[in-house]
Amino acid sequence: MRTLSSYLIILLLICSANSCRKDYPEDTPDWLKSRIKEWKKESRGAGCVGDVCREIQEYSDGIQTIYWIKSTGTPTAYKVYDFEGNEQCYFETTQPATCGSISNFQNYQFTRMIWIED
């Protein structure tokens, strides 16, 4: 009986730890976590609003990290932010050569998906 109780306690701890997980990486900047929380409140848990869904992609050139916030719909739009949360540029279809204070924009490579609105 004691062994069964031990297994149940361990299972309970594992389940409770997983229930507190965020749907974005822990090392996401605070400004971006706040933005995600705002969007979740906006949609009231219903996910995408109309035909517009958002996703956050992280890019890096090996030195700097930037974030693309993609809004699907017609047309698909992108807002690019630096690591501190300053908007650098906005574009719809054609990626610019420079983006605000970000030079050599084409040198940035996709590193990971931070969040997808569903």
PDB file of N, CA and C in Angstrom:
ATOM      1  N   MET A   1       0.820  -1.197   0.000  1.00  0.00           N
ATOM      2  CA  MET A   1       0.000   0.000   0.000  1.00  0.00           C
ATOM      3  C   MET A   1       0.868   1.266   0.000  1.00  0.00           C
ATOM      4  N   ARG A   2       1.964   1.202   0.742  1.00  0.00           N
ATOM      5  CA  ARG A   2       2.862   2.348   0.822  1.00  0.00           C
ATOM      6  C   ARG A   2       3.492   2.638  -0.548  1.00  0.00           C
ATOM      7  N   THR A   3       3.838   1.601  -1.298  1.00  0.00           N
ATOM      8  CA  THR A   3       4.424   1.766  -2.625  1.00  0.00           C
ATOM      9  C   THR A   3       3.409   2.405  -3.576  1.00  0.00           C
ATOM     10  N   LEU A   4       2.174   1.952  -3.511  1.00  0.00           N
ATOM     11  CA  LEU A   4       1.124   2.518  -4.345  1.00  0.00           C
ATOM     12  C   LEU A   4       0.924   4.001  -4.025  1.00  0.00           C
ATOM     13  N   SER A   5       0.927   4.341  -2.761  1.00  0.00           N
ATOM     14  CA  SER A   5       0.786   5.738  -2.346  1.00  0.00           C
ATOM     15  C   SER A   5       1.945   6.583  -2.865  1.00  0.00           C
ATOM     16  N   SER A   6       3.151   6.031  -2.819  1.00  0.00           N
ATOM     17  CA  SER A   6       4.327   6.751  -3.322  1.00  0.00           C
ATOM     18  C   SER A   6       4.202   7.025  -4.815  1.00  0.00           C
ATOM     19  N   TYR A   7       3.764   6.018  -5.577  1.00  0.00           N
ATOM     20  CA  TYR A   7       3.581   6.194  -7.015  1.00  0.00           C
ATOM     21  C   TYR A   7       2.503   7.233  -7.318  1.00  0.00           C
ATOM     22  N   LEU A   8       1.440   7.220  -6.567  1.00  0.00           N
ATOM     23  CA  LEU A   8       0.369   8.187  -6.781  1.00  0.00           C
ATOM     24  C   LEU A   8       0.834   9.613  -6.477  1.00  0.00           C
ATOM     25  N   ILE A   9       1.625   9.778  -5.440  1.00  0.00           N
ATOM     26  CA  ILE A   9       2.148  11.095  -5.098  1.00  0.00           C
ATOM     27  C   ILE A   9       3.073  11.601  -6.203  1.00  0.00           C
ATOM     28  N   ILE A  10       3.933  10.733  -6.702  1.00  0.00           N
ATOM     29  CA  ILE A  10       4.845  11.115  -7.788  1.00  0.00           C
ATOM     30  C   ILE A  10       4.048  11.490  -9.035  1.00  0.00           C
ATOM     31  N   LEU A  11       3.043  10.702  -9.362  1.00  0.00           N
ATOM     32  CA  LEU A  11       2.205  10.995 -10.518  1.00  0.00           C
ATOM     33  C   LEU A  11       1.488  12.336 -10.346  1.00  0.00           C
ATOM     34  N   LEU A  12       1.002  12.601  -9.160  1.00  0.00           N
ATOM     35  CA  LEU A  12       0.338  13.877  -8.875  1.00  0.00           C
ATOM     36  C   LEU A  12       1.298  15.053  -9.053  1.00  0.00           C
ATOM     37  N   LEU A  13       2.530  14.909  -8.580  1.00  0.00           N
ATOM     38  CA  LEU A  13       3.522  15.971  -8.734  1.00  0.00           C
ATOM     39  C   LEU A  13       3.847  16.233 -10.202  1.00  0.00           C
ATOM     40  N   ILE A  14       3.973  15.172 -10.972  1.00  0.00           N
ATOM     41  CA  ILE A  14       4.269  15.324 -12.402  1.00  0.00           C
ATOM     42  C   ILE A  14       3.118  16.020 -13.108  1.00  0.00           C
ATOM     43  N   CYS A  15       1.896  15.605 -12.798  1.00  0.00           N
ATOM     44  CA  CYS A  15       0.723  16.224 -13.431  1.00  0.00           C
ATOM     45  C   CYS A  15       0.585  17.691 -13.045  1.00  0.00           C
ATOM     46  N   SER A  16       0.834  18.008 -11.797  1.00  0.00           N
ATOM     47  CA  SER A  16       0.707  19.406 -11.374  1.00  0.00           C
ATOM     48  C   SER A  16       1.797  20.271 -11.989  1.00  0.00           C
ATOM     49  N   ALA A  17       2.985  19.733 -12.154  1.00  0.00           N
ATOM     50  CA  ALA A  17       4.066  20.500 -12.790  1.00  0.00           C
ATOM     51  C   ALA A  17       3.730  20.787 -14.249  1.00  0.00           C
ATOM     52  N   ASN A  18       3.167  19.827 -14.955  1.00  0.00           N
ATOM     53  CA  ASN A  18       2.809  20.020 -16.359  1.00  0.00           C
ATOM     54  C   ASN A  18       1.628  20.959 -16.530  1.00  0.00           C
ATOM     55  N   SER A  19       0.748  21.038 -15.558  1.00  0.00           N
ATOM     56  CA  SER A  19      -0.414  21.910 -15.685  1.00  0.00           C
ATOM     57  C   SER A  19      -0.028  23.380 -15.605  1.00  0.00           C
ATOM     58  N   CYS A  20       1.122  23.700 -15.062  1.00  0.00           N
ATOM     59  CA  CYS A  20       1.575  25.083 -14.932  1.00  0.00           C
ATOM     60  C   CYS A  20       2.452  25.529 -16.094  1.00  0.00           C
ATOM     61  N   ARG A  21       2.664  24.666 -17.063  1.00  0.00           N
ATOM     62  CA  ARG A  21       3.533  25.007 -18.180  1.00  0.00           C
ATOM     63  C   ARG A  21       2.917  26.085 -19.054  1.00  0.00           C
ATOM     64  N   LYS A  22       3.754  26.979 -19.509  1.00  0.00           N
ATOM     65  CA  LYS A  22       3.333  28.023 -20.425  1.00  0.00           C
ATOM     66  C   LYS A  22       3.430  27.463 -21.839  1.00  0.00           C
ATOM     67  N   ASP A  23       2.721  28.082 -22.745  1.00  0.00           N
ATOM     68  CA  ASP A  23       2.801  27.621 -24.123  1.00  0.00           C
ATOM     69  C   ASP A  23       3.836  28.406 -24.927  1.00  0.00           C
ATOM     70  N   TYR A  24       4.845  28.917 -24.221  1.00  0.00           N
ATOM     71  CA  TYR A  24       5.969  29.584 -24.857  1.00  0.00           C
ATOM     72  C   TYR A  24       7.214  29.305 -24.015  1.00  0.00           C
ATOM     73  N   PRO A  25       8.409  29.412 -24.598  1.00  0.00           N
ATOM     74  CA  PRO A  25       9.641  29.106 -23.858  1.00  0.00           C
ATOM     75  C   PRO A  25       9.839  30.018 -22.651  1.00  0.00           C
ATOM     76  N   GLU A  26      10.455  29.492 -21.622  1.00  0.00           N
ATOM     77  CA  GLU A  26      10.702  30.239 -20.386  1.00  0.00           C
ATOM     78  C   GLU A  26      11.594  31.457 -20.598  1.00  0.00           C
ATOM     79  N   ASP A  27      12.526  31.383 -21.540  1.00  0.00           N
ATOM     80  CA  ASP A  27      13.462  32.489 -21.745  1.00  0.00           C
ATOM     81  C   ASP A  27      12.927  33.577 -22.685  1.00  0.00           C
ATOM     82  N   THR A  28      11.626  33.573 -22.914  1.00  0.00           N
ATOM     83  CA  THR A  28      10.988  34.612 -23.710  1.00  0.00           C
ATOM     84  C   THR A  28      11.065  35.935 -22.953  1.00  0.00           C
ATOM     85  N   PRO A  29      11.410  37.042 -23.632  1.00  0.00           N
ATOM     86  CA  PRO A  29      11.490  38.344 -22.940  1.00  0.00           C
ATOM     87  C   PRO A  29      10.139  38.720 -22.306  1.00  0.00           C
ATOM     88  N   ASP A  30      10.208  39.458 -21.203  1.00  0.00           N
ATOM     89  CA  ASP A  30       9.001  39.838 -20.460  1.00  0.00           C
ATOM     90  C   ASP A  30       8.007  40.630 -21.304  1.00  0.00           C
ATOM     91  N   TRP A  31       8.495  41.539 -22.152  1.00  0.00           N
ATOM     92  CA  TRP A  31       7.586  42.336 -22.974  1.00  0.00           C
ATOM     93  C   TRP A  31       6.776  41.452 -23.910  1.00  0.00           C
ATOM     94  N   LEU A  32       7.386  40.370 -24.383  1.00  0.00           N
ATOM     95  CA  LEU A  32       6.713  39.454 -25.303  1.00  0.00           C
ATOM     96  C   LEU A  32       5.709  38.578 -24.543  1.00  0.00           C
ATOM     97  N   LYS A  33       6.064  38.170 -23.331  1.00  0.00           N
ATOM     98  CA  LYS A  33       5.120  37.416 -22.490  1.00  0.00           C
ATOM     99  C   LYS A  33       3.876  38.254 -22.222  1.00  0.00           C
ATOM    100  N   SER A  34       4.066  39.546 -21.943  1.00  0.00           N
ATOM    101  CA  SER A  34       2.931  40.446 -21.699  1.00  0.00           C
ATOM    102  C   SER A  34       2.054  40.563 -22.936  1.00  0.00           C
ATOM    103  N   ARG A  35       2.678  40.661 -24.086  1.00  0.00           N
ATOM    104  CA  ARG A  35       1.927  40.772 -25.348  1.00  0.00           C
ATOM    105  C   ARG A  35       1.079  39.518 -25.578  1.00  0.00           C
ATOM    106  N   ILE A  36       1.656  38.354 -25.315  1.00  0.00           N
ATOM    107  CA  ILE A  36       0.918  37.099 -25.480  1.00  0.00           C
ATOM    108  C   ILE A  36      -0.273  37.055 -24.528  1.00  0.00           C
ATOM    109  N   LYS A  37      -0.073  37.471 -23.290  1.00  0.00           N
ATOM    110  CA  LYS A  37      -1.175  37.501 -22.319  1.00  0.00           C
ATOM    111  C   LYS A  37      -2.290  38.438 -22.779  1.00  0.00           C
ATOM    112  N   GLU A  38      -1.925  39.598 -23.332  1.00  0.00           N
ATOM    113  CA  GLU A  38      -2.922  40.541 -23.847  1.00  0.00           C
ATOM    114  C   GLU A  38      -3.745  39.913 -24.966  1.00  0.00           C
ATOM    115  N   TRP A  39      -3.078  39.244 -25.890  1.00  0.00           N
ATOM    116  CA  TRP A  39      -3.782  38.615 -27.004  1.00  0.00           C
ATOM    117  C   TRP A  39      -4.720  37.522 -26.524  1.00  0.00           C
ATOM    118  N   LYS A  40      -4.284  36.771 -25.516  1.00  0.00           N
ATOM    119  CA  LYS A  40      -5.148  35.720 -24.981  1.00  0.00           C
ATOM    120  C   LYS A  40      -6.395  36.323 -24.344  1.00  0.00           C
ATOM    121  N   LYS A  41      -6.235  37.452 -23.658  1.00  0.00           N
ATOM    122  CA  LYS A  41      -7.398  38.143 -23.075  1.00  0.00           C
ATOM    123  C   LYS A  41      -8.323  38.655 -24.168  1.00  0.00           C
ATOM    124  N   GLU A  42      -7.722  39.218 -25.223  1.00  0.00           N
ATOM    125  CA  GLU A  42      -8.492  39.734 -26.354  1.00  0.00           C
ATOM    126  C   GLU A  42      -9.399  38.675 -26.953  1.00  0.00           C
ATOM    127  N   SER A  43      -8.845  37.509 -27.158  1.00  0.00           N
ATOM    128  CA  SER A  43      -9.602  36.445 -27.803  1.00  0.00           C
ATOM    129  C   SER A  43     -10.447  35.642 -26.814  1.00  0.00           C
ATOM    130  N   ARG A  44     -10.258  35.909 -25.518  1.00  0.00           N
ATOM    131  CA  ARG A  44     -11.000  35.224 -24.458  1.00  0.00           C
ATOM    132  C   ARG A  44     -10.937  33.706 -24.605  1.00  0.00           C
ATOM    133  N   GLY A  45      -9.758  33.229 -24.957  1.00  0.00           N
ATOM    134  CA  GLY A  45      -9.538  31.795 -25.068  1.00  0.00           C
ATOM    135  C   GLY A  45     -10.105  31.167 -26.323  1.00  0.00           C
ATOM    136  N   ALA A  46     -10.716  31.979 -27.202  1.00  0.00           N
ATOM    137  CA  ALA A  46     -11.325  31.443 -28.416  1.00  0.00           C
ATOM    138  C   ALA A  46     -10.300  31.230 -29.529  1.00  0.00           C
ATOM    139  N   GLY A  47      -9.069  31.657 -29.302  1.00  0.00           N
ATOM    140  CA  GLY A  47      -8.023  31.491 -30.308  1.00  0.00           C
ATOM    141  C   GLY A  47      -8.009  32.637 -31.300  1.00  0.00           C
ATOM    142  N   CYS A  48      -7.873  32.311 -32.554  1.00  0.00           N
ATOM    143  CA  CYS A  48      -7.766  33.309 -33.614  1.00  0.00           C
ATOM    144  C   CYS A  48      -9.034  34.154 -33.694  1.00  0.00           C
ATOM    145  N   VAL A  49      -8.856  35.426 -34.029  1.00  0.00           N
ATOM    146  CA  VAL A  49      -9.989  36.332 -34.182  1.00  0.00           C
ATOM    147  C   VAL A  49     -10.312  36.420 -35.666  1.00  0.00           C
ATOM    148  N   GLY A  50     -11.477  35.905 -36.057  1.00  0.00           N
ATOM    149  CA  GLY A  50     -11.836  35.860 -37.474  1.00  0.00           C
ATOM    150  C   GLY A  50     -10.865  34.979 -38.229  1.00  0.00           C
ATOM    151  N   ASP A  51     -10.348  35.496 -39.318  1.00  0.00           N
ATOM    152  CA  ASP A  51      -9.365  34.721 -40.088  1.00  0.00           C
ATOM    153  C   ASP A  51      -7.939  35.152 -39.785  1.00  0.00           C
ATOM    154  N   VAL A  52      -7.758  35.944 -38.718  1.00  0.00           N
ATOM    155  CA  VAL A  52      -6.422  36.436 -38.364  1.00  0.00           C
ATOM    156  C   VAL A  52      -5.882  35.673 -37.156  1.00  0.00           C
ATOM    157  N   CYS A  53      -4.792  34.988 -37.363  1.00  0.00           N
ATOM    158  CA  CYS A  53      -4.078  34.295 -36.291  1.00  0.00           C
ATOM    159  C   CYS A  53      -2.684  34.905 -36.203  1.00  0.00           C
ATOM    160  N   ARG A  54      -2.095  34.857 -35.024  1.00  0.00           N
ATOM    161  CA  ARG A  54      -0.754  35.414 -34.845  1.00  0.00           C
ATOM    162  C   ARG A  54       0.216  34.303 -34.485  1.00  0.00           C
ATOM    163  N   GLU A  55       1.444  34.525 -34.853  1.00  0.00           N
ATOM    164  CA  GLU A  55       2.519  33.652 -34.401  1.00  0.00           C
ATOM    165  C   GLU A  55       3.766  34.487 -34.210  1.00  0.00           C
ATOM    166  N   ILE A  56       4.602  34.039 -33.303  1.00  0.00           N
ATOM    167  CA  ILE A  56       5.839  34.756 -32.999  1.00  0.00           C
ATOM    168  C   ILE A  56       7.011  33.855 -33.343  1.00  0.00           C
ATOM    169  N   GLN A  57       7.876  34.364 -34.203  1.00  0.00           N
ATOM    170  CA  GLN A  57       9.051  33.623 -34.643  1.00  0.00           C
ATOM    171  C   GLN A  57      10.300  34.353 -34.172  1.00  0.00           C
ATOM    172  N   GLU A  58      11.285  33.584 -33.747  1.00  0.00           N
ATOM    173  CA  GLU A  58      12.550  34.163 -33.304  1.00  0.00           C
ATOM    174  C   GLU A  58      13.592  33.961 -34.389  1.00  0.00           C
ATOM    175  N   TYR A  59      14.357  35.011 -34.669  1.00  0.00           N
ATOM    176  CA  TYR A  59      15.434  34.978 -35.664  1.00  0.00           C
ATOM    177  C   TYR A  59      16.708  35.508 -35.022  1.00  0.00           C
ATOM    178  N   SER A  60      17.844  35.055 -35.520  1.00  0.00           N
ATOM    179  CA  SER A  60      19.120  35.522 -35.003  1.00  0.00           C
ATOM    180  C   SER A  60      20.147  35.573 -36.127  1.00  0.00           C
ATOM    181  N   ASP A  61      21.088  36.492 -35.985  1.00  0.00           N
ATOM    182  CA  ASP A  61      22.224  36.545 -36.911  1.00  0.00           C
ATOM    183  C   ASP A  61      23.482  36.025 -36.231  1.00  0.00           C
ATOM    184  N   GLY A  62      23.326  35.403 -35.067  1.00  0.00           N
ATOM    185  CA  GLY A  62      24.450  34.898 -34.298  1.00  0.00           C
ATOM    186  C   GLY A  62      24.871  35.857 -33.197  1.00  0.00           C
ATOM    187  N   ILE A  63      24.469  37.114 -33.309  1.00  0.00           N
ATOM    188  CA  ILE A  63      24.805  38.122 -32.311  1.00  0.00           C
ATOM    189  C   ILE A  63      23.529  38.695 -31.691  1.00  0.00           C
ATOM    190  N   GLN A  64      22.634  39.160 -32.548  1.00  0.00           N
ATOM    191  CA  GLN A  64      21.384  39.754 -32.089  1.00  0.00           C
ATOM    192  C   GLN A  64      20.217  38.806 -32.310  1.00  0.00           C
ATOM    193  N   THR A  65      19.192  38.955 -31.471  1.00  0.00           N
ATOM    194  CA  THR A  65      17.955  38.204 -31.612  1.00  0.00           C
ATOM    195  C   THR A  65      16.842  39.189 -31.906  1.00  0.00           C
ATOM    196  N   ILE A  66      16.007  38.840 -32.878  1.00  0.00           N
ATOM    197  CA  ILE A  66      14.846  39.661 -33.211  1.00  0.00           C
ATOM    198  C   ILE A  66      13.613  38.760 -33.239  1.00  0.00           C
ATOM    199  N   TYR A  67      12.448  39.388 -33.198  1.00  0.00           N
ATOM    200  CA  TYR A  67      11.193  38.644 -33.188  1.00  0.00           C
ATOM    201  C   TYR A  67      10.291  39.156 -34.289  1.00  0.00           C
ATOM    202  N   TRP A  68       9.748  38.215 -35.064  1.00  0.00           N
ATOM    203  CA  TRP A  68       8.771  38.534 -36.085  1.00  0.00           C
ATOM    204  C   TRP A  68       7.411  38.148 -35.539  1.00  0.00           C
ATOM    205  N   ILE A  69       6.487  39.085 -35.533  1.00  0.00           N
ATOM    206  CA  ILE A  69       5.112  38.771 -35.177  1.00  0.00           C
ATOM    207  C   ILE A  69       4.339  38.748 -36.486  1.00  0.00           C
ATOM    208  N   LYS A  70       3.915  37.553 -36.833  1.00  0.00           N
ATOM    209  CA  LYS A  70       3.220  37.333 -38.102  1.00  0.00           C
ATOM    210  C   LYS A  70       1.723  37.303 -37.835  1.00  0.00           C
ATOM    211  N   SER A  71       0.967  38.067 -38.602  1.00  0.00           N
ATOM    212  CA  SER A  71      -0.487  38.049 -38.532  1.00  0.00           C
ATOM    213  C   SER A  71      -1.010  37.504 -39.852  1.00  0.00           C
ATOM    214  N   THR A  72      -1.645  36.351 -39.789  1.00  0.00           N
ATOM    215  CA  THR A  72      -2.189  35.770 -41.018  1.00  0.00           C
ATOM    216  C   THR A  72      -3.463  36.500 -41.382  1.00  0.00           C
ATOM    217  N   GLY A  73      -3.880  36.351 -42.563  1.00  0.00           N
ATOM    218  CA  GLY A  73      -5.061  37.026 -43.077  1.00  0.00           C
ATOM    219  C   GLY A  73      -4.740  37.481 -44.488  1.00  0.00           C
ATOM    220  N   THR A  74      -5.488  38.418 -44.970  1.00  0.00           N
ATOM    221  CA  THR A  74      -5.237  38.904 -46.315  1.00  0.00           C
ATOM    222  C   THR A  74      -4.938  40.384 -46.240  1.00  0.00           C
ATOM    223  N   PRO A  75      -3.749  40.810 -46.477  1.00  0.00           N
ATOM    224  CA  PRO A  75      -2.532  40.026 -46.691  1.00  0.00           C
ATOM    225  C   PRO A  75      -1.889  39.621 -45.360  1.00  0.00           C
ATOM    226  N   THR A  76      -0.937  38.719 -45.429  1.00  0.00           N
ATOM    227  CA  THR A  76      -0.157  38.363 -44.257  1.00  0.00           C
ATOM    228  C   THR A  76       0.774  39.526 -43.941  1.00  0.00           C
ATOM    229  N   ALA A  77       0.814  39.907 -42.670  1.00  0.00           N
ATOM    230  CA  ALA A  77       1.620  41.062 -42.264  1.00  0.00           C
ATOM    231  C   ALA A  77       2.637  40.649 -41.213  1.00  0.00           C
ATOM    232  N   TYR A  78       3.761  41.347 -41.197  1.00  0.00           N
ATOM    233  CA  TYR A  78       4.829  41.067 -40.249  1.00  0.00           C
ATOM    234  C   TYR A  78       5.229  42.362 -39.542  1.00  0.00           C
ATOM    235  N   LYS A  79       5.406  42.272 -38.233  1.00  0.00           N
ATOM    236  CA  LYS A  79       6.024  43.348 -37.468  1.00  0.00           C
ATOM    237  C   LYS A  79       7.284  42.751 -36.875  1.00  0.00           C
ATOM    238  N   VAL A  80       8.371  43.486 -36.956  1.00  0.00           N
ATOM    239  CA  VAL A  80       9.657  43.001 -36.467  1.00  0.00           C
ATOM    240  C   VAL A  80      10.067  43.838 -35.262  1.00  0.00           C
ATOM    241  N   TYR A  81      10.464  43.154 -34.194  1.00  0.00           N
ATOM    242  CA  TYR A  81      10.873  43.806 -32.952  1.00  0.00           C
ATOM    243  C   TYR A  81      12.278  43.364 -32.582  1.00  0.00           C
ATOM    244  N   ASP A  82      13.033  44.267 -31.955  1.00  0.00           N
ATOM    245  CA  ASP A  82      14.340  43.874 -31.434  1.00  0.00           C
ATOM    246  C   ASP A  82      14.143  43.174 -30.092  1.00  0.00           C
ATOM    247  N   PHE A  83      15.219  42.731 -29.481  1.00  0.00           N
ATOM    248  CA  PHE A  83      15.146  41.958 -28.239  1.00  0.00           C
ATOM    249  C   PHE A  83      14.513  42.756 -27.102  1.00  0.00           C
ATOM    250  N   GLU A  84      14.677  44.082 -27.125  1.00  0.00           N
ATOM    251  CA  GLU A  84      14.141  44.933 -26.059  1.00  0.00           C
ATOM    252  C   GLU A  84      12.667  45.260 -26.251  1.00  0.00           C
ATOM    253  N   GLY A  85      12.097  44.908 -27.407  1.00  0.00           N
ATOM    254  CA  GLY A  85      10.682  45.148 -27.650  1.00  0.00           C
ATOM    255  C   GLY A  85      10.380  46.388 -28.459  1.00  0.00           C
ATOM    256  N   ASN A  86      11.398  46.969 -29.085  1.00  0.00           N
ATOM    257  CA  ASN A  86      11.198  48.148 -29.928  1.00  0.00           C
ATOM    258  C   ASN A  86      10.822  47.702 -31.339  1.00  0.00           C
ATOM    259  N   GLU A  87       9.688  48.220 -31.851  1.00  0.00           N
ATOM    260  CA  GLU A  87       9.284  47.865 -33.211  1.00  0.00           C
ATOM    261  C   GLU A  87      10.292  48.446 -34.195  1.00  0.00           C
ATOM    262  N   GLN A  88      10.769  47.604 -35.094  1.00  0.00           N
ATOM    263  CA  GLN A  88      11.774  48.026 -36.065  1.00  0.00           C
ATOM    264  C   GLN A  88      11.185  48.295 -37.439  1.00  0.00           C
ATOM    265  N   CYS A  89      10.244  47.458 -37.864  1.00  0.00           N
ATOM    266  CA  CYS A  89       9.618  47.684 -39.159  1.00  0.00           C
ATOM    267  C   CYS A  89       8.364  46.845 -39.292  1.00  0.00           C
ATOM    268  N   TYR A  90       7.624  47.148 -40.342  1.00  0.00           N
ATOM    269  CA  TYR A  90       6.396  46.450 -40.695  1.00  0.00           C
ATOM    270  C   TYR A  90       6.470  46.172 -42.185  1.00  0.00           C
ATOM    271  N   PHE A  91       6.099  44.963 -42.596  1.00  0.00           N
ATOM    272  CA  PHE A  91       6.017  44.680 -44.026  1.00  0.00           C
ATOM    273  C   PHE A  91       4.959  43.618 -44.262  1.00  0.00           C
ATOM    274  N   GLU A  92       4.485  43.571 -45.503  1.00  0.00           N
ATOM    275  CA  GLU A  92       3.434  42.613 -45.815  1.00  0.00           C
ATOM    276  C   GLU A  92       3.939  41.440 -46.628  1.00  0.00           C
ATOM    277  N   THR A  93       4.486  41.649 -47.768  1.00  0.00           N
ATOM    278  CA  THR A  93       4.875  40.513 -48.602  1.00  0.00           C
ATOM    279  C   THR A  93       6.360  40.462 -48.888  1.00  0.00           C
ATOM    280  N   THR A  94       6.972  41.588 -49.157  1.00  0.00           N
ATOM    281  CA  THR A  94       8.378  41.608 -49.528  1.00  0.00           C
ATOM    282  C   THR A  94       9.237  41.992 -48.332  1.00  0.00           C
ATOM    283  N   GLN A  95      10.139  41.093 -47.981  1.00  0.00           N
ATOM    284  CA  GLN A  95      11.052  41.347 -46.856  1.00  0.00           C
ATOM    285  C   GLN A  95      12.031  42.449 -47.246  1.00  0.00           C
ATOM    286  N   PRO A  96      12.142  43.494 -46.424  1.00  0.00           N
ATOM    287  CA  PRO A  96      13.053  44.598 -46.760  1.00  0.00           C
ATOM    288  C   PRO A  96      14.521  44.219 -46.548  1.00  0.00           C
ATOM    289  N   ALA A  97      15.415  45.001 -47.150  1.00  0.00           N
ATOM    290  CA  ALA A  97      16.853  44.778 -46.971  1.00  0.00           C
ATOM    291  C   ALA A  97      17.301  45.247 -45.593  1.00  0.00           C
ATOM    292  N   THR A  98      16.725  46.353 -45.125  1.00  0.00           N
ATOM    293  CA  THR A  98      16.991  46.834 -43.773  1.00  0.00           C
ATOM    294  C   THR A  98      15.653  46.979 -43.062  1.00  0.00           C
ATOM    295  N   CYS A  99      15.733  46.934 -41.765  1.00  0.00           N
ATOM    296  CA  CYS A  99      14.502  46.949 -40.968  1.00  0.00           C
ATOM    297  C   CYS A  99      14.762  47.800 -39.736  1.00  0.00           C
ATOM    298  N   GLY A 100      14.415  49.095 -39.806  1.00  0.00           N
ATOM    299  CA  GLY A 100      14.698  49.979 -38.689  1.00  0.00           C
ATOM    300  C   GLY A 100      16.187  50.046 -38.425  1.00  0.00           C
ATOM    301  N   SER A 101      16.595  49.762 -37.206  1.00  0.00           N
ATOM    302  CA  SER A 101      18.020  49.792 -36.857  1.00  0.00           C
ATOM    303  C   SER A 101      18.721  48.476 -37.186  1.00  0.00           C
ATOM    304  N   ILE A 102      18.003  47.529 -37.751  1.00  0.00           N
ATOM    305  CA  ILE A 102      18.581  46.221 -38.091  1.00  0.00           C
ATOM    306  C   ILE A 102      19.117  46.279 -39.514  1.00  0.00           C
ATOM    307  N   SER A 103      20.429  46.177 -39.628  1.00  0.00           N
ATOM    308  CA  SER A 103      21.027  46.149 -40.961  1.00  0.00           C
ATOM    309  C   SER A 103      21.321  44.696 -41.329  1.00  0.00           C
ATOM    310  N   ASN A 104      21.500  44.435 -42.615  1.00  0.00           N
ATOM    311  CA  ASN A 104      21.733  43.082 -43.113  1.00  0.00           C
ATOM    312  C   ASN A 104      20.622  42.136 -42.654  1.00  0.00           C
ATOM    313  N   PHE A 105      19.407  42.577 -42.841  1.00  0.00           N
ATOM    314  CA  PHE A 105      18.227  41.834 -42.407  1.00  0.00           C
ATOM    315  C   PHE A 105      18.208  40.419 -42.978  1.00  0.00           C
ATOM    316  N   GLN A 106      18.718  40.253 -44.187  1.00  0.00           N
ATOM    317  CA  GLN A 106      18.723  38.947 -44.845  1.00  0.00           C
ATOM    318  C   GLN A 106      19.650  37.939 -44.156  1.00  0.00           C
ATOM    319  N   ASN A 107      20.558  38.405 -43.285  1.00  0.00           N
ATOM    320  CA  ASN A 107      21.483  37.508 -42.577  1.00  0.00           C
ATOM    321  C   ASN A 107      20.843  36.813 -41.373  1.00  0.00           C
ATOM    322  N   TYR A 108      19.648  37.222 -40.999  1.00  0.00           N
ATOM    323  CA  TYR A 108      18.975  36.616 -39.852  1.00  0.00           C
ATOM    324  C   TYR A 108      18.330  35.302 -40.268  1.00  0.00           C
ATOM    325  N   GLN A 109      18.570  34.284 -39.460  1.00  0.00           N
ATOM    326  CA  GLN A 109      18.041  32.953 -39.729  1.00  0.00           C
ATOM    327  C   GLN A 109      17.022  32.570 -38.654  1.00  0.00           C
ATOM    328  N   PHE A 110      16.011  31.848 -39.059  1.00  0.00           N
ATOM    329  CA  PHE A 110      14.991  31.371 -38.137  1.00  0.00           C
ATOM    330  C   PHE A 110      15.641  30.475 -37.082  1.00  0.00           C
ATOM    331  N   THR A 111      15.339  30.716 -35.790  1.00  0.00           N
ATOM    332  CA  THR A 111      15.875  29.864 -34.725  1.00  0.00           C
ATOM    333  C   THR A 111      14.803  29.009 -34.073  1.00  0.00           C
ATOM    334  N   ARG A 112      13.615  29.586 -33.822  1.00  0.00           N
ATOM    335  CA  ARG A 112      12.539  28.778 -33.220  1.00  0.00           C
ATOM    336  C   ARG A 112      11.215  29.530 -33.268  1.00  0.00           C
ATOM    337  N   MET A 113      10.168  28.743 -33.100  1.00  0.00           N
ATOM    338  CA  MET A 113       8.819  29.287 -32.997  1.00  0.00           C
ATOM    339  C   MET A 113       8.583  29.552 -31.507  1.00  0.00           C
ATOM    340  N   ILE A 114       8.201  30.772 -31.175  1.00  0.00           N
ATOM    341  CA  ILE A 114       7.961  31.131 -29.775  1.00  0.00           C
ATOM    342  C   ILE A 114       6.527  30.823 -29.368  1.00  0.00           C
ATOM    343  N   TRP A 115       5.564  31.181 -30.219  1.00  0.00           N
ATOM    344  CA  TRP A 115       4.155  31.014 -29.849  1.00  0.00           C
ATOM    345  C   TRP A 115       3.296  31.022 -31.090  1.00  0.00           C
ATOM    346  N   ILE A 116       2.227  30.214 -31.067  1.00  0.00           N
ATOM    347  CA  ILE A 116       1.248  30.190 -32.150  1.00  0.00           C
ATOM    348  C   ILE A 116      -0.127  30.322 -31.529  1.00  0.00           C
ATOM    349  N   GLU A 117      -0.876  31.270 -32.026  1.00  0.00           N
ATOM    350  CA  GLU A 117      -2.262  31.451 -31.564  1.00  0.00           C
ATOM    351  C   GLU A 117      -3.124  30.377 -32.210  1.00  0.00           C
ATOM    352  N   ASP A 118      -3.849  29.678 -31.390  1.00  0.00           N
ATOM    353  CA  ASP A 118      -4.734  28.656 -31.962  1.00  0.00           C
ATOM    354  C   ASP A 118      -6.113  28.706 -31.361  1.00  0.00           C
TER     355      ASP A 118
END
